[in-house]
Protein backbone atom coordinates (compact mmCIF):
# COMPACT_ATOMS: atom_id res chain seq x y z
CA UNK A 1 -4.84 4.53 -38.63
CA UNK A 2 -5.30 1.24 -36.81
CA UNK A 3 -8.89 0.42 -35.95
CA UNK A 4 -9.93 0.04 -32.32
CA UNK A 5 -11.51 -3.38 -32.98
CA UNK A 6 -11.79 -6.03 -35.63
CA UNK A 7 -15.52 -6.19 -34.97
CA UNK A 8 -18.07 -4.37 -32.82
CA UNK A 9 -21.23 -6.33 -32.06
CA UNK A 10 -24.31 -4.30 -31.14
CA UNK A 11 -26.71 -6.22 -28.90
CA UNK A 12 -26.08 -9.21 -26.63
CA UNK A 13 -29.13 -11.17 -27.77
CA UNK A 14 -28.76 -14.71 -29.05
CA UNK A 15 -27.39 -13.79 -32.46
CA UNK A 16 -25.06 -11.11 -31.10
CA UNK A 17 -23.70 -13.34 -28.36
CA UNK A 18 -22.98 -16.19 -30.74
CA UNK A 19 -21.36 -13.84 -33.26
CA UNK A 20 -19.19 -12.19 -30.58
CA UNK A 21 -18.18 -15.52 -29.02
CA UNK A 22 -17.22 -16.98 -32.39
CA UNK A 23 -15.31 -13.88 -33.47
CA UNK A 24 -13.34 -13.73 -30.21
CA UNK A 25 -12.67 -17.48 -30.25
CA UNK A 26 -11.33 -17.25 -33.81
CA UNK A 27 -8.94 -14.40 -33.00
CA UNK A 28 -10.84 -11.24 -33.93
CA UNK A 29 -10.48 -8.35 -31.47
CA UNK A 30 -14.12 -8.04 -30.45
CA UNK A 31 -16.27 -5.56 -28.55
CA UNK A 32 -19.82 -6.57 -27.57
CA UNK A 33 -22.15 -3.83 -26.30
CA UNK A 34 -25.69 -3.96 -24.95
CA UNK A 35 -28.07 -1.35 -23.55
CA UNK A 36 -29.14 -3.67 -20.70
CA UNK A 37 -27.15 -4.63 -17.63
CA UNK A 38 -27.19 -8.37 -18.38
CA UNK A 39 -26.75 -10.44 -21.54
CA UNK A 40 -29.31 -12.49 -23.38
CA UNK A 41 -32.25 -10.36 -24.41
CA UNK A 42 -35.03 -12.96 -24.44
CA UNK A 43 -32.54 -15.58 -23.24
CA UNK A 44 -32.57 -14.62 -19.61
CA UNK A 45 -34.37 -15.54 -16.38
CA UNK A 46 -36.48 -13.81 -13.75
CA UNK A 47 -36.95 -14.63 -10.06
CA UNK A 48 -40.31 -14.42 -8.33
CA UNK A 49 -40.44 -15.73 -4.79
CA UNK A 50 -38.82 -19.16 -4.71
CA UNK A 51 -39.17 -19.66 -8.48
CA UNK A 52 -36.83 -18.87 -11.36
CA UNK A 53 -38.90 -18.43 -14.46
CA UNK A 54 -37.86 -19.07 -18.05
CA UNK A 55 -39.06 -15.89 -19.76
CA UNK A 56 -39.22 -16.96 -23.40
CA UNK A 57 -37.65 -20.29 -24.29
CA UNK A 58 -39.86 -23.29 -24.91
CA UNK A 59 -37.14 -25.39 -26.43
CA UNK A 60 -34.43 -25.48 -29.06
CA UNK A 61 -35.06 -27.72 -32.05
CA UNK A 62 -31.44 -28.42 -32.98
CA UNK A 63 -29.54 -29.63 -29.92
CA UNK A 64 -29.74 -33.41 -29.79
CA UNK A 65 -28.13 -35.86 -27.42
CA UNK A 66 -24.33 -35.92 -27.01
CA UNK A 67 -24.12 -39.08 -29.13
CA UNK A 68 -26.41 -37.58 -31.80
CA UNK A 69 -25.71 -33.83 -31.78
CA UNK A 70 -27.33 -31.27 -34.03
CA UNK A 71 -25.81 -27.95 -35.00
CA UNK A 72 -26.57 -25.98 -31.80
CA UNK A 73 -24.81 -28.48 -29.54
CA UNK A 74 -21.97 -28.70 -32.06
CA UNK A 75 -21.49 -24.91 -32.10
CA UNK A 76 -21.52 -24.60 -28.31
CA UNK A 77 -19.09 -27.52 -28.00
CA UNK A 78 -16.76 -26.05 -30.62
CA UNK A 79 -16.62 -22.73 -28.77
CA UNK A 80 -16.17 -24.37 -25.38
CA UNK A 81 -19.43 -22.86 -24.11
CA UNK A 82 -20.34 -25.09 -21.18
CA UNK A 83 -24.07 -25.87 -21.02
CA UNK A 84 -25.87 -28.78 -19.36
CA UNK A 85 -28.56 -29.81 -21.81
CA UNK A 86 -31.82 -31.63 -21.06
CA UNK A 87 -33.69 -33.28 -23.94
CA UNK A 88 -37.38 -34.05 -24.33
CA UNK A 89 -37.65 -36.79 -26.95
CA UNK A 90 -40.92 -38.57 -26.19
CA UNK A 91 -43.45 -36.28 -27.84
CA UNK A 92 -43.43 -33.33 -30.22
CA UNK A 93 -46.55 -31.79 -28.70
CA UNK A 94 -49.99 -32.77 -27.45
CA UNK A 95 -52.74 -31.09 -29.46
CA UNK A 96 -56.11 -30.24 -27.88
CA UNK A 97 -58.85 -28.77 -30.06
CA UNK A 98 -62.12 -29.44 -28.19
CA UNK A 99 -64.20 -27.73 -30.89
CA UNK A 100 -62.97 -30.30 -33.44
CA UNK A 101 -62.80 -33.32 -31.14
CA UNK A 102 -59.00 -33.53 -31.29
CA UNK A 103 -56.96 -34.85 -28.37
CA UNK A 104 -53.80 -36.14 -30.02
CA UNK A 105 -50.19 -36.59 -28.91
CA UNK A 106 -47.57 -36.54 -31.66
CA UNK A 107 -45.00 -39.18 -30.82
CA UNK A 108 -41.29 -38.56 -31.47
CA UNK A 109 -41.04 -42.13 -32.77
CA UNK A 110 -41.61 -41.86 -36.56
CA UNK A 111 -43.20 -45.30 -36.85
CA UNK A 112 -45.56 -44.70 -33.93
CA UNK A 113 -46.40 -41.22 -35.21
CA UNK A 114 -47.45 -42.67 -38.57
CA UNK A 115 -49.49 -45.45 -36.94
CA UNK A 116 -51.22 -43.09 -34.50
CA UNK A 117 -51.97 -40.59 -37.26
CA UNK A 118 -53.45 -43.33 -39.45
CA UNK A 119 -55.91 -44.19 -36.68
CA UNK A 120 -56.83 -40.53 -36.22
CA UNK A 121 -57.06 -39.76 -39.94
CA UNK A 122 -57.27 -42.86 -42.19
CA UNK A 123 -55.09 -42.65 -45.24
CA UNK A 124 -52.41 -40.52 -43.64
CA UNK A 125 -49.63 -43.04 -42.87
CA UNK A 126 -48.18 -43.09 -46.39
CA UNK A 127 -48.22 -39.30 -46.85
CA UNK A 128 -46.71 -38.89 -43.39
CA UNK A 129 -43.80 -41.13 -44.36
CA UNK A 130 -43.36 -39.03 -47.50
CA UNK A 131 -43.36 -35.85 -45.42
CA UNK A 132 -40.65 -37.28 -43.18
CA UNK A 133 -38.53 -38.18 -46.24
CA UNK A 134 -38.92 -34.63 -47.53
CA UNK A 135 -38.06 -33.29 -44.08
CA UNK A 136 -34.78 -35.19 -44.19
CA UNK A 137 -33.98 -33.75 -47.61
CA UNK A 138 -34.89 -30.25 -46.38
CA UNK A 139 -32.49 -30.56 -43.45
CA UNK A 140 -29.65 -31.70 -45.74
CA UNK A 141 -30.40 -28.88 -48.19
CA UNK A 142 -30.27 -26.29 -45.39
CA UNK A 143 -26.94 -27.67 -44.23
CA UNK A 144 -25.56 -27.50 -47.78
CA UNK A 145 -26.74 -23.91 -48.31
CA UNK A 146 -24.85 -22.91 -45.17
CA UNK A 147 -21.54 -24.27 -46.48
CA UNK A 148 -18.75 -22.00 -47.68
CA UNK A 149 -18.61 -23.74 -51.07
CA UNK A 150 -22.39 -23.69 -51.58
CA UNK A 151 -23.15 -23.69 -55.31
CA UNK A 152 -26.76 -22.71 -56.19
CA UNK A 153 -26.37 -24.44 -59.54
CA UNK A 154 -25.86 -27.80 -57.81
CA UNK A 155 -28.83 -27.51 -55.49
CA UNK A 156 -31.26 -29.22 -57.90
CA UNK A 157 -28.84 -32.04 -58.56
CA UNK A 158 -28.15 -32.77 -54.90
CA UNK A 159 -31.60 -32.01 -53.50
CA UNK A 160 -34.19 -32.31 -56.27
CA UNK A 161 -37.15 -31.29 -54.12
CA UNK A 162 -35.57 -28.34 -52.27
CA UNK A 163 -36.64 -25.55 -54.64
CA UNK A 164 -40.10 -27.05 -55.01
CA UNK A 165 -40.52 -27.10 -51.23
CA UNK A 166 -39.20 -23.54 -51.00
CA UNK A 167 -41.55 -22.33 -53.71
CA UNK A 168 -44.73 -23.88 -52.32
CA UNK A 169 -46.57 -23.51 -49.05
CA UNK A 170 -47.00 -26.17 -46.38
CA UNK A 171 -50.62 -26.58 -47.43
CA UNK A 172 -49.79 -26.96 -51.13
CA UNK A 173 -47.18 -29.64 -50.52
CA UNK A 174 -49.28 -31.62 -48.06
CA UNK A 175 -52.14 -31.54 -50.57
CA UNK A 176 -49.80 -32.74 -53.32
CA UNK A 177 -48.55 -35.74 -51.34
CA UNK A 178 -52.14 -36.71 -50.53
CA UNK A 179 -52.28 -36.10 -46.81
CA UNK A 180 -55.86 -35.97 -45.46
CA UNK A 181 -56.97 -32.55 -44.26
CA UNK A 182 -57.39 -33.60 -40.64
CA UNK A 183 -53.90 -35.07 -40.56
CA UNK A 184 -52.47 -31.95 -42.22
CA UNK A 185 -53.83 -29.75 -39.49
CA UNK A 186 -52.53 -32.00 -36.75
CA UNK A 187 -48.92 -32.08 -38.00
CA UNK A 188 -48.65 -28.43 -39.06
CA UNK A 189 -49.24 -26.65 -35.75
CA UNK A 190 -45.59 -25.68 -35.35
CA UNK A 191 -46.45 -22.91 -37.84
CA UNK A 192 -46.91 -20.53 -34.93
CA UNK A 193 -43.26 -21.02 -33.93
CA UNK A 194 -42.33 -19.44 -37.26
CA UNK A 195 -45.00 -16.75 -37.40
CA UNK A 196 -46.69 -17.52 -40.72
CA UNK A 197 -49.66 -19.69 -41.58
CA UNK A 198 -49.73 -22.95 -43.52
CA UNK A 199 -50.96 -21.09 -46.63
CA UNK A 200 -48.11 -18.57 -46.38
CA UNK A 201 -44.99 -20.37 -45.14
CA UNK A 202 -42.78 -22.32 -47.49
CA UNK A 203 -42.70 -26.06 -46.88
CA UNK A 204 -38.88 -26.24 -46.93
CA UNK A 205 -38.57 -24.20 -43.75
CA UNK A 206 -41.39 -25.99 -41.96
CA UNK A 207 -40.36 -29.51 -42.91
CA UNK A 208 -36.81 -28.84 -41.78
CA UNK A 209 -38.01 -27.68 -38.35
CA UNK A 210 -40.51 -30.52 -37.94
CA UNK A 211 -37.87 -33.08 -38.87
CA UNK A 212 -35.42 -31.48 -36.46
CA UNK A 213 -37.78 -31.91 -33.53
CA UNK A 214 -38.49 -35.47 -34.57
CA UNK A 215 -34.83 -36.46 -34.96
CA UNK A 216 -33.20 -34.49 -32.14
CA UNK A 217 -36.02 -33.77 -29.70
CA UNK A 218 -36.49 -30.51 -27.82
CA UNK A 219 -33.39 -29.22 -26.05
CA UNK A 220 -33.41 -27.09 -22.91
CA UNK A 221 -30.59 -25.75 -20.74
CA UNK A 222 -30.89 -27.13 -17.22
CA UNK A 223 -30.33 -23.71 -15.66
CA UNK A 224 -32.71 -21.80 -17.96
CA UNK A 225 -31.75 -19.92 -21.08
CA UNK A 226 -29.64 -17.46 -19.09
CA UNK A 227 -27.18 -20.36 -18.83
CA UNK A 228 -26.77 -20.13 -22.60
CA UNK A 229 -26.14 -16.40 -22.49
CA UNK A 230 -23.63 -16.57 -19.66
CA UNK A 231 -21.77 -19.44 -21.33
CA UNK A 232 -21.36 -17.46 -24.56
CA UNK A 233 -20.41 -14.28 -22.71
CA UNK A 234 -17.68 -16.24 -20.90
CA UNK A 235 -16.29 -17.38 -24.26
CA UNK A 236 -16.05 -13.75 -25.37
CA UNK A 237 -14.19 -12.69 -22.22
CA UNK A 238 -11.97 -15.79 -22.03
CA UNK A 239 -10.73 -15.09 -25.56
CA UNK A 240 -9.83 -11.45 -25.02
CA UNK A 241 -13.10 -9.87 -26.10
CA UNK A 242 -14.66 -6.96 -24.25
CA UNK A 243 -18.28 -6.78 -23.07
CA UNK A 244 -19.82 -3.44 -22.12
CA UNK A 245 -23.28 -3.33 -20.55
CA UNK A 246 -25.51 -0.28 -20.01
CA UNK A 247 -24.02 0.84 -23.30
CA UNK A 248 -26.42 1.64 -26.15
CA UNK A 249 -25.13 2.27 -29.64
CA UNK A 250 -25.71 5.88 -30.64
CA UNK A 251 -24.78 5.56 -34.30
CA UNK A 252 -23.42 3.11 -36.85
CA UNK A 253 -20.77 5.03 -38.76
CA UNK A 254 -21.18 4.62 -42.51
CA UNK A 255 -19.43 6.47 -45.32
CA UNK A 256 -19.57 5.80 -49.05
CA UNK A 257 -21.47 2.54 -48.51
CA UNK A 258 -19.03 1.13 -45.93
CA UNK A 259 -19.58 0.73 -42.18
CA UNK A 260 -16.45 1.66 -40.30
CA UNK A 261 -17.38 2.06 -36.64
CA UNK A 262 -19.88 2.74 -33.89
CA UNK A 263 -20.49 5.87 -31.83
CA UNK A 264 -20.72 5.02 -28.14
CA UNK A 265 -21.09 7.60 -25.39
CA UNK A 266 -20.23 10.40 -27.78
CA UNK A 267 -16.99 8.75 -28.92
CA UNK A 268 -16.38 7.06 -32.26
CA UNK A 269 -14.87 3.57 -32.09
CA UNK A 270 -13.50 2.35 -35.40
CA UNK A 271 -13.64 -1.24 -36.62
CA UNK A 272 -13.45 -3.42 -39.70
CA UNK A 273 -16.90 -4.92 -39.22
CA UNK A 274 -20.12 -4.00 -37.45
CA UNK A 275 -22.52 -6.78 -36.46
CA UNK A 276 -26.00 -5.63 -35.47
CA UNK A 277 -28.38 -7.67 -33.34
CA UNK A 278 -30.68 -4.65 -33.60
CA UNK A 279 -33.62 -4.99 -36.00
CA UNK A 280 -32.96 -3.52 -39.47
CA UNK A 281 -36.07 -1.34 -39.02
CA UNK A 282 -34.48 0.43 -36.07
CA UNK A 283 -30.94 0.51 -37.45
CA UNK A 284 -31.96 2.06 -40.77
CA UNK A 285 -34.29 4.56 -39.07
CA UNK A 286 -32.21 5.71 -36.12
CA UNK A 287 -28.61 4.46 -36.20
CA UNK A 288 -27.45 5.21 -39.76
CA UNK A 289 -27.43 8.55 -41.54
CA UNK A 290 -30.40 8.67 -43.88
CA UNK A 291 -28.31 9.40 -46.96
CA UNK A 292 -26.23 6.27 -46.31
CA UNK A 293 -29.21 3.90 -46.20
CA UNK A 294 -29.61 2.25 -49.62
CA UNK A 295 -33.02 2.53 -51.24
CA UNK A 296 -33.21 -1.23 -51.65
CA UNK A 297 -32.73 -1.72 -47.90
CA UNK A 298 -35.68 0.55 -47.17
CA UNK A 299 -37.89 -1.16 -49.74
CA UNK A 300 -37.06 -4.65 -48.51
CA UNK A 301 -37.66 -3.76 -44.87
CA UNK A 302 -40.95 -2.01 -45.64
CA UNK A 303 -42.14 -4.90 -47.80
CA UNK A 304 -41.75 -7.43 -45.02
CA UNK A 305 -44.50 -8.11 -42.51
CA UNK A 306 -43.71 -8.49 -38.83
CA UNK A 307 -44.32 -11.89 -37.32
CA UNK A 308 -46.39 -12.57 -34.23
CA UNK A 309 -46.27 -10.89 -30.82
CA UNK A 310 -46.20 -12.96 -27.65
CA UNK A 311 -48.27 -12.84 -24.50
CA UNK A 312 -46.77 -15.02 -21.78
CA UNK A 313 -47.97 -16.00 -18.32
CA UNK A 314 -45.44 -17.47 -15.87
CA UNK A 315 -46.85 -19.56 -13.03
CA UNK A 316 -45.10 -20.93 -9.98
CA UNK A 317 -47.40 -23.68 -8.68
CA UNK A 318 -47.57 -25.11 -5.16
CA UNK A 319 -48.35 -28.55 -6.61
CA UNK A 320 -46.24 -30.79 -8.81
CA UNK A 321 -46.99 -31.20 -12.48
CA UNK A 322 -48.00 -34.78 -11.81
CA UNK A 323 -50.43 -33.70 -9.08
CA UNK A 324 -51.93 -31.12 -11.44
CA UNK A 325 -52.33 -33.76 -14.12
CA UNK A 326 -49.72 -32.84 -16.74
CA UNK A 327 -48.66 -35.82 -18.82
CA UNK A 328 -46.98 -33.90 -21.65
CA UNK A 329 -44.36 -31.18 -21.61
CA UNK A 330 -45.80 -29.14 -24.50
CA UNK A 331 -49.56 -28.77 -24.91
CA UNK A 332 -51.18 -26.85 -27.76
CA UNK A 333 -54.72 -25.71 -26.90
CA UNK A 334 -56.53 -24.20 -29.90
CA UNK A 335 -60.08 -23.30 -30.78
CA UNK A 336 -59.41 -24.29 -34.41
CA UNK A 337 -56.74 -26.10 -36.41
CA UNK A 338 -57.15 -23.58 -39.26
CA UNK A 339 -54.05 -21.37 -39.02
CA UNK A 340 -55.52 -18.60 -41.20
CA UNK A 341 -58.59 -18.45 -38.96
CA UNK A 342 -56.42 -18.29 -35.84
CA UNK A 343 -54.36 -15.42 -37.24
CA UNK A 344 -57.50 -13.53 -38.21
CA UNK A 345 -58.86 -13.94 -34.69
CA UNK A 346 -55.59 -12.76 -33.14
CA UNK A 347 -55.02 -9.77 -35.45
CA UNK A 348 -55.38 -6.15 -34.37
CA UNK A 349 -57.30 -6.91 -31.21
CA UNK A 350 -56.84 -7.97 -27.60
CA UNK A 351 -60.16 -9.70 -27.11
CA UNK A 352 -59.34 -13.15 -28.42
CA UNK A 353 -56.47 -15.47 -27.58
CA UNK A 354 -57.41 -18.32 -29.91
CA UNK A 355 -54.33 -20.42 -29.16
CA UNK A 356 -52.49 -21.15 -25.93
CA UNK A 357 -49.37 -23.26 -25.58
CA UNK A 358 -48.89 -24.43 -21.99
CA UNK A 359 -45.63 -26.06 -20.95
CA UNK A 360 -44.71 -27.83 -17.74
CA UNK A 361 -40.94 -27.57 -17.50
CA UNK A 362 -40.77 -30.13 -14.67
CA UNK A 363 -41.72 -32.85 -17.15
CA UNK A 364 -38.25 -32.42 -18.66
CA UNK A 365 -36.25 -30.94 -15.77
CA UNK A 366 -37.88 -32.40 -12.62
CA UNK A 367 -35.82 -30.34 -10.16
CA UNK A 368 -36.26 -26.98 -11.90
CA UNK A 369 -38.47 -25.84 -9.00
CA UNK A 370 -38.47 -26.58 -5.25
CA UNK A 371 -39.76 -29.97 -4.15
CA UNK A 372 -43.54 -30.25 -4.27
CA UNK A 373 -43.90 -27.41 -6.80
CA UNK A 374 -43.86 -26.90 -10.56
CA UNK A 375 -43.36 -24.23 -13.20
CA UNK A 376 -45.92 -23.62 -15.93
CA UNK A 377 -45.69 -21.10 -18.71
CA UNK A 378 -48.55 -20.19 -20.98
CA UNK A 379 -47.95 -18.51 -24.33
CA UNK A 380 -50.53 -16.88 -26.55
CA UNK A 381 -49.97 -14.80 -29.67
CA UNK A 382 -51.24 -11.65 -31.31
CA UNK A 383 -50.65 -10.10 -34.72
CA UNK A 384 -50.73 -6.47 -35.71
CA UNK A 385 -51.41 -3.36 -33.64
CA UNK A 386 -54.01 -4.53 -31.16
CA UNK A 387 -51.97 -3.40 -28.15
CA UNK A 388 -50.97 0.02 -29.52
CA UNK A 389 -54.04 1.86 -28.27
CA UNK A 390 -53.94 0.69 -24.66
CA UNK A 391 -53.45 3.46 -22.11
CA UNK A 392 -50.63 3.04 -19.56
CA UNK A 393 -53.05 3.10 -16.65
CA UNK A 394 -55.07 0.26 -18.27
CA UNK A 395 -52.14 -2.00 -19.08
CA UNK A 396 -51.95 -4.01 -15.86
CA UNK A 397 -55.69 -4.62 -15.72
CA UNK A 398 -55.77 -5.73 -19.34
CA UNK A 399 -52.81 -8.08 -18.79
CA UNK A 400 -54.62 -9.69 -15.88
CA UNK A 401 -57.83 -10.11 -17.89
CA UNK A 402 -56.07 -11.84 -20.78
CA UNK A 403 -53.98 -14.00 -18.44
CA UNK A 404 -57.06 -15.20 -16.56
CA UNK A 405 -58.81 -16.04 -19.85
CA UNK A 406 -55.79 -18.10 -20.94
CA UNK A 407 -55.62 -19.98 -17.64
CA UNK A 408 -59.35 -20.72 -17.69
CA UNK A 409 -59.06 -21.96 -21.27
CA UNK A 410 -56.31 -24.40 -20.26
CA UNK A 411 -58.27 -25.62 -17.26
CA UNK A 412 -61.29 -26.33 -19.45
CA UNK A 413 -59.38 -28.09 -22.23
CA UNK A 414 -57.15 -30.16 -19.93
CA UNK A 415 -59.86 -30.92 -17.37
CA UNK A 416 -57.72 -29.78 -14.44
CA UNK A 417 -57.55 -27.02 -11.84
CA UNK A 418 -54.74 -24.48 -12.12
CA UNK A 419 -56.02 -21.26 -10.58
CA UNK A 420 -56.28 -22.44 -6.94
CA UNK A 421 -52.66 -23.59 -6.81
CA UNK A 422 -50.86 -20.51 -8.16
CA UNK A 423 -48.17 -19.33 -5.75
CA UNK A 424 -46.38 -16.84 -8.02
CA UNK A 425 -47.50 -15.20 -11.25
CA UNK A 426 -45.88 -12.83 -13.71
CA UNK A 427 -47.39 -11.60 -16.98
CA UNK A 428 -45.69 -10.23 -20.10
CA UNK A 429 -47.74 -8.62 -22.87
CA UNK A 430 -46.50 -7.43 -26.29
CA UNK A 431 -46.04 -4.04 -24.63
CA UNK A 432 -43.73 -5.67 -22.05
CA UNK A 433 -41.64 -7.30 -24.78
CA UNK A 434 -41.49 -4.06 -26.79
CA UNK A 435 -40.17 -2.15 -23.78
CA UNK A 436 -37.60 -4.79 -22.92
CA UNK A 437 -36.43 -5.92 -26.37
CA UNK A 438 -36.86 -2.67 -28.27
CA UNK A 439 -38.20 -4.62 -31.24
CA UNK A 440 -41.06 -3.43 -33.50
CA UNK A 441 -44.40 -4.10 -31.76
CA UNK A 442 -42.45 -6.22 -29.28
CA UNK A 443 -42.07 -9.14 -31.68
CA UNK A 444 -39.18 -11.46 -30.88
CA UNK A 445 -39.94 -13.36 -34.09
CA UNK A 446 -38.61 -11.15 -36.86
CA UNK A 447 -40.42 -11.16 -40.19
CA UNK A 448 -43.05 -13.61 -41.35
CA UNK A 449 -41.81 -16.40 -43.57
CA UNK A 450 -43.67 -16.67 -46.87
CA UNK A 451 -43.05 -17.79 -50.42
CA UNK A 452 -41.36 -14.59 -51.57
CA UNK A 453 -39.40 -14.14 -48.34
CA UNK A 454 -38.27 -17.67 -47.53
CA UNK A 455 -34.88 -19.02 -46.49
CA UNK A 456 -33.46 -19.38 -50.00
CA UNK A 457 -34.52 -15.85 -50.95
CA UNK A 458 -33.08 -14.50 -47.70
CA UNK A 459 -29.75 -16.17 -48.47
CA UNK A 460 -29.76 -14.25 -51.77
CA UNK A 461 -30.75 -11.04 -49.98
CA UNK A 462 -28.00 -11.55 -47.41
CA UNK A 463 -25.40 -11.55 -50.15
CA UNK A 464 -26.99 -8.45 -51.69
CA UNK A 465 -27.08 -6.76 -48.28
CA UNK A 466 -23.29 -6.97 -48.16
CA UNK A 467 -23.23 -4.86 -51.33
CA UNK A 468 -25.69 -2.37 -49.84
CA UNK A 469 -23.59 -1.50 -46.78
CA UNK A 470 -20.25 -3.26 -46.75
CA UNK A 471 -18.91 -4.21 -43.36
CA UNK A 472 -22.39 -4.28 -41.77
CA UNK A 473 -24.08 -7.59 -40.99
CA UNK A 474 -27.38 -8.19 -39.22
CA UNK A 475 -27.95 -11.17 -36.95
CA UNK A 476 -30.94 -12.31 -34.90
CA UNK A 477 -34.54 -13.25 -35.59
CA UNK A 478 -35.00 -10.62 -38.31
CA UNK A 479 -32.32 -12.11 -40.56
CA UNK A 480 -32.05 -14.98 -43.01
CA UNK A 481 -32.47 -17.87 -40.57
CA UNK A 482 -35.72 -16.55 -39.14
CA UNK A 483 -36.94 -16.68 -35.57
CA UNK A 484 -36.21 -19.01 -32.70
CA UNK A 485 -33.12 -19.59 -30.61
CA UNK A 486 -31.56 -22.21 -32.90
CA UNK A 487 -31.67 -20.20 -36.17
CA UNK A 488 -30.39 -17.05 -34.45
CA UNK A 489 -27.43 -18.92 -32.98
CA UNK A 490 -26.68 -20.41 -36.39
CA UNK A 491 -26.99 -17.03 -38.10
CA UNK A 492 -24.63 -15.41 -35.60
CA UNK A 493 -22.11 -18.20 -36.04
CA UNK A 494 -22.23 -18.14 -39.86
CA UNK A 495 -21.85 -14.37 -39.95
CA UNK A 496 -18.84 -14.52 -37.66
CA UNK A 497 -17.18 -17.23 -39.73
CA UNK A 498 -17.57 -15.14 -42.89
CA UNK A 499 -15.90 -12.19 -41.14
CA UNK A 500 -13.10 -14.37 -39.82
CA UNK A 501 -12.36 -15.85 -43.24
CA UNK A 502 -12.33 -12.39 -44.84
CA UNK A 503 -9.91 -11.08 -42.23
CA UNK A 504 -7.68 -14.13 -42.61
CA UNK A 505 -7.43 -13.46 -46.33
CA UNK A 506 -6.24 -9.94 -45.51
CA UNK A 507 -3.70 -11.34 -43.03
CA UNK A 508 -5.33 -9.66 -40.04
CA UNK A 509 -5.74 -12.86 -38.01
CA UNK A 510 -2.74 -14.95 -37.08
CA UNK A 511 -4.56 -17.86 -35.39
């Protein structure tokens, strides 16, 4: 019997969209389904009054300018996905920690960054240069591990520090290269983008991301992240793929360790490959017959710890960013530079929001809002189950309380007024994200990166996963690349390429 499709992709989030676009572009008969009525998941947009808000994206770390592209721009260009990119390449972030007397902007110029850091923390210039050298090696090692002919036995020869960085935490490596403690805490605050602290996360992953921001800047689509989703959806359709919205998957069909289709609307659609943008937790629990879920899959999923949950406040302001006083696009406002302390404060409670990242999108895309206005978005994080006990009738009031506390914190740290100039406001709590994304506890960030569950180990697990349930691949934040738009796009692309090459070997693709 001929299968209905070469591949069925469940979920039109970032990973699913990229996988479906790549599959269709490479000649695989592709069906993409999603339970919502629009594509994108987190990569979407919302309108409030005369403002179009960016619901989740701060920036992508791997875009780069046209003359110096990184892998995200290269993938979109290869697929013919038309996106107008804007790049912030002046600063990484501006760090404010009033309790520790820190008011420091991290320049995107490596030489200036080292000089500025030396003034802030004497003795840090040399170690910072060493960190940047290691970051370059980490980026090259990641690129090599993603190649078809990747040979683990050659990794040490080509990249002698890669396994050491993967086997040690950020803190351990920065200690080893002699970076002063104050400097360490200043340059390691991207940890929250990856959901694990500096004493948990492997240095290979962090250094690669830090170096990516430094080399390529922060990339943003001019028309919000929904532009990314629509561009990829168009690639699917233009290459003969089908896209069905308002269409949840009812079941992933598995028999004798092989996925062979998806049940949709009571009908079984057969395929050679199933690609799931749904979290493994949900897929193993609800979409696959219990007897077909390998024991190792259950153990691995249960062993992992969920990453952070987001709380986001979207503000349409009736003053420009310049009038408000914003000099930087990305501002980190913390009550401590100790990542373990911040996580402890933000775990299993709703009382404290110890860290707020406030972005002014107009600093990168000046015309993203009507003339004389600006768009701010504030992001805080929580860990654990602090929002589970809230009653439905208390949710709105609690959202407003936390949002006001975050705004007041920013006003105090930045010495500016925000509250009087708010024209439009929208608030999303972890409960909001859970309802919309369907992810565990509402996390869009997958599983926490740590020494036993780092990128190299996840590459190994990915290959073992193929033996657990053949024909089933997971993409998205919960997979080997980790969280963030850039890794999920890359993971979707790599998964699709593997499927394409396998089908070519079987003679099922002619182009």
